[in-house]
Amino acid sequence: MFGFWRLWLLATILAIGGALLCFALTHDRRYLGRVLAIVRWSGGLLVIVTCFWLIFRLLR
């Protein structure tokens, strides 16, 4: 399970960092929208996986 979280965290950090770097270089506000979308999807994935994990732990 920790392998999934490490991969998720690394991918999220790289995606957010890339979008922020592009925003810093171009000052195009669409990249900030991409950062917000990445954060929303990442948070949603975290909530879904955590709920399933807790349900599995409670049923076991």
N, C-alpha and C. Protein backbone atom coordinates (compact mmCIF):
# COMPACT_ATOMS: atom_id res chain seq x y z
N MET A 1 0.82 -1.20 0.00
CA MET A 1 0.00 0.00 0.00
C MET A 1 0.86 1.26 0.00
N PHE A 2 2.01 1.19 0.68
CA PHE A 2 2.87 2.37 0.72
C PHE A 2 3.47 2.68 -0.65
N GLY A 3 3.65 1.65 -1.48
CA GLY A 3 4.15 1.87 -2.83
C GLY A 3 3.18 2.72 -3.64
N PHE A 4 1.88 2.46 -3.50
CA PHE A 4 0.87 3.26 -4.19
C PHE A 4 0.92 4.71 -3.72
N TRP A 5 0.99 4.91 -2.40
CA TRP A 5 1.00 6.28 -1.87
C TRP A 5 2.24 7.04 -2.30
N ARG A 6 3.40 6.36 -2.34
CA ARG A 6 4.62 7.03 -2.78
C ARG A 6 4.52 7.43 -4.25
N LEU A 7 4.00 6.52 -5.07
CA LEU A 7 3.85 6.82 -6.49
C LEU A 7 2.85 7.95 -6.69
N TRP A 8 1.75 7.92 -5.96
CA TRP A 8 0.74 8.98 -6.05
C TRP A 8 1.34 10.32 -5.64
N LEU A 9 2.07 10.34 -4.54
CA LEU A 9 2.66 11.58 -4.05
C LEU A 9 3.70 12.11 -5.02
N LEU A 10 4.54 11.26 -5.54
CA LEU A 10 5.56 11.68 -6.50
C LEU A 10 4.92 12.24 -7.77
N ALA A 11 3.93 11.56 -8.30
CA ALA A 11 3.26 12.04 -9.52
C ALA A 11 2.55 13.37 -9.28
N THR A 12 1.92 13.51 -8.12
CA THR A 12 1.22 14.76 -7.80
C THR A 12 2.20 15.91 -7.67
N ILE A 13 3.29 15.70 -6.97
CA ILE A 13 4.29 16.75 -6.79
C ILE A 13 4.90 17.15 -8.13
N LEU A 14 5.21 16.17 -8.97
CA LEU A 14 5.78 16.49 -10.28
C LEU A 14 4.79 17.24 -11.16
N ALA A 15 3.53 16.84 -11.14
CA ALA A 15 2.52 17.51 -11.96
C ALA A 15 2.28 18.95 -11.49
N ILE A 16 2.16 19.14 -10.18
CA ILE A 16 1.96 20.48 -9.65
C ILE A 16 3.19 21.34 -9.90
N GLY A 17 4.35 20.78 -9.67
CA GLY A 17 5.59 21.53 -9.91
C GLY A 17 5.75 21.92 -11.37
N GLY A 18 5.42 21.00 -12.27
CA GLY A 18 5.51 21.32 -13.70
C GLY A 18 4.55 22.44 -14.09
N ALA A 19 3.32 22.38 -13.58
CA ALA A 19 2.34 23.41 -13.90
C ALA A 19 2.75 24.76 -13.31
N LEU A 20 3.27 24.75 -12.10
CA LEU A 20 3.72 26.01 -11.49
C LEU A 20 4.94 26.59 -12.20
N LEU A 21 5.83 25.72 -12.66
CA LEU A 21 6.99 26.18 -13.42
C LEU A 21 6.55 26.81 -14.74
N CYS A 22 5.61 26.17 -15.42
CA CYS A 22 5.09 26.73 -16.67
C CYS A 22 4.40 28.06 -16.41
N PHE A 23 3.66 28.18 -15.31
CA PHE A 23 3.03 29.46 -14.98
C PHE A 23 4.08 30.52 -14.71
N ALA A 24 5.14 30.16 -13.99
CA ALA A 24 6.18 31.13 -13.68
C ALA A 24 6.90 31.61 -14.95
N LEU A 25 7.04 30.73 -15.92
CA LEU A 25 7.74 31.11 -17.15
C LEU A 25 6.86 31.88 -18.13
N THR A 26 5.56 31.56 -18.17
CA THR A 26 4.69 32.17 -19.18
C THR A 26 3.67 33.15 -18.62
N HIS A 27 3.39 33.10 -17.33
CA HIS A 27 2.35 33.92 -16.67
C HIS A 27 0.98 33.70 -17.30
N ASP A 28 0.75 32.49 -17.78
CA ASP A 28 -0.54 32.09 -18.34
C ASP A 28 -1.38 31.48 -17.22
N ARG A 29 -2.52 32.09 -16.93
CA ARG A 29 -3.34 31.67 -15.80
C ARG A 29 -3.98 30.29 -16.00
N ARG A 30 -3.98 29.75 -17.20
CA ARG A 30 -4.54 28.41 -17.41
C ARG A 30 -3.75 27.36 -16.64
N TYR A 31 -2.47 27.61 -16.42
CA TYR A 31 -1.66 26.65 -15.66
C TYR A 31 -2.08 26.61 -14.19
N LEU A 32 -2.55 27.73 -13.65
CA LEU A 32 -3.08 27.72 -12.28
C LEU A 32 -4.36 26.90 -12.22
N GLY A 33 -5.15 26.95 -13.27
CA GLY A 33 -6.34 26.11 -13.34
C GLY A 33 -5.97 24.64 -13.37
N ARG A 34 -4.89 24.33 -14.05
CA ARG A 34 -4.43 22.94 -14.07
C ARG A 34 -3.97 22.49 -12.69
N VAL A 35 -3.30 23.38 -11.97
CA VAL A 35 -2.88 23.04 -10.60
C VAL A 35 -4.09 22.76 -9.74
N LEU A 36 -5.12 23.59 -9.86
CA LEU A 36 -6.34 23.39 -9.08
C LEU A 36 -7.02 22.07 -9.45
N ALA A 37 -7.04 21.76 -10.74
CA ALA A 37 -7.64 20.49 -11.17
C ALA A 37 -6.84 19.30 -10.64
N ILE A 38 -5.53 19.39 -10.64
CA ILE A 38 -4.68 18.32 -10.11
C ILE A 38 -4.94 18.12 -8.62
N VAL A 39 -5.05 19.21 -7.90
CA VAL A 39 -5.31 19.13 -6.46
C VAL A 39 -6.68 18.52 -6.19
N ARG A 40 -7.69 18.89 -6.98
CA ARG A 40 -9.03 18.32 -6.78
C ARG A 40 -9.04 16.82 -7.05
N TRP A 41 -8.48 16.41 -8.19
CA TRP A 41 -8.46 14.99 -8.53
C TRP A 41 -7.65 14.20 -7.52
N SER A 42 -6.54 14.77 -7.10
CA SER A 42 -5.68 14.09 -6.14
C SER A 42 -6.39 13.93 -4.80
N GLY A 43 -7.06 14.98 -4.35
CA GLY A 43 -7.80 14.90 -3.10
C GLY A 43 -8.96 13.93 -3.19
N GLY A 44 -9.65 13.92 -4.33
CA GLY A 44 -10.74 12.98 -4.53
C GLY A 44 -10.26 11.54 -4.50
N LEU A 45 -9.14 11.29 -5.18
CA LEU A 45 -8.56 9.95 -5.17
C LEU A 45 -8.17 9.53 -3.76
N LEU A 46 -7.60 10.45 -3.02
CA LEU A 46 -7.21 10.17 -1.64
C LEU A 46 -8.42 9.81 -0.79
N VAL A 47 -9.51 10.54 -0.93
CA VAL A 47 -10.71 10.28 -0.15
C VAL A 47 -11.32 8.92 -0.53
N ILE A 48 -11.40 8.63 -1.82
CA ILE A 48 -11.99 7.36 -2.27
C ILE A 48 -11.17 6.18 -1.78
N VAL A 49 -9.86 6.23 -1.96
CA VAL A 49 -9.01 5.11 -1.55
C VAL A 49 -9.05 4.94 -0.04
N THR A 50 -9.04 6.04 0.70
CA THR A 50 -9.10 5.96 2.15
C THR A 50 -10.42 5.35 2.63
N CYS A 51 -11.52 5.73 2.01
CA CYS A 51 -12.82 5.15 2.38
C CYS A 51 -12.85 3.66 2.15
N PHE A 52 -12.40 3.21 0.97
CA PHE A 52 -12.37 1.78 0.69
C PHE A 52 -11.45 1.05 1.65
N TRP A 53 -10.32 1.65 1.98
CA TRP A 53 -9.37 1.03 2.91
C TRP A 53 -10.01 0.88 4.29
N LEU A 54 -10.68 1.94 4.76
CA LEU A 54 -11.32 1.86 6.07
C LEU A 54 -12.45 0.85 6.09
N ILE A 55 -13.25 0.78 5.02
CA ILE A 55 -14.32 -0.21 4.96
C ILE A 55 -13.73 -1.62 4.99
N PHE A 56 -12.69 -1.84 4.23
CA PHE A 56 -12.03 -3.15 4.22
C PHE A 56 -11.51 -3.51 5.60
N ARG A 57 -10.90 -2.53 6.28
CA ARG A 57 -10.35 -2.79 7.62
C ARG A 57 -11.48 -3.09 8.62
N LEU A 58 -12.61 -2.40 8.51
CA LEU A 58 -13.70 -2.64 9.45
C LEU A 58 -14.40 -3.96 9.19
N LEU A 59 -14.47 -4.40 7.95
CA LEU A 59 -15.12 -5.68 7.63
C LEU A 59 -14.24 -6.87 7.94
N ARG A 60 -12.98 -6.66 8.02
CA ARG A 60 -12.04 -7.75 8.27
C ARG A 60 -11.94 -8.00 9.71
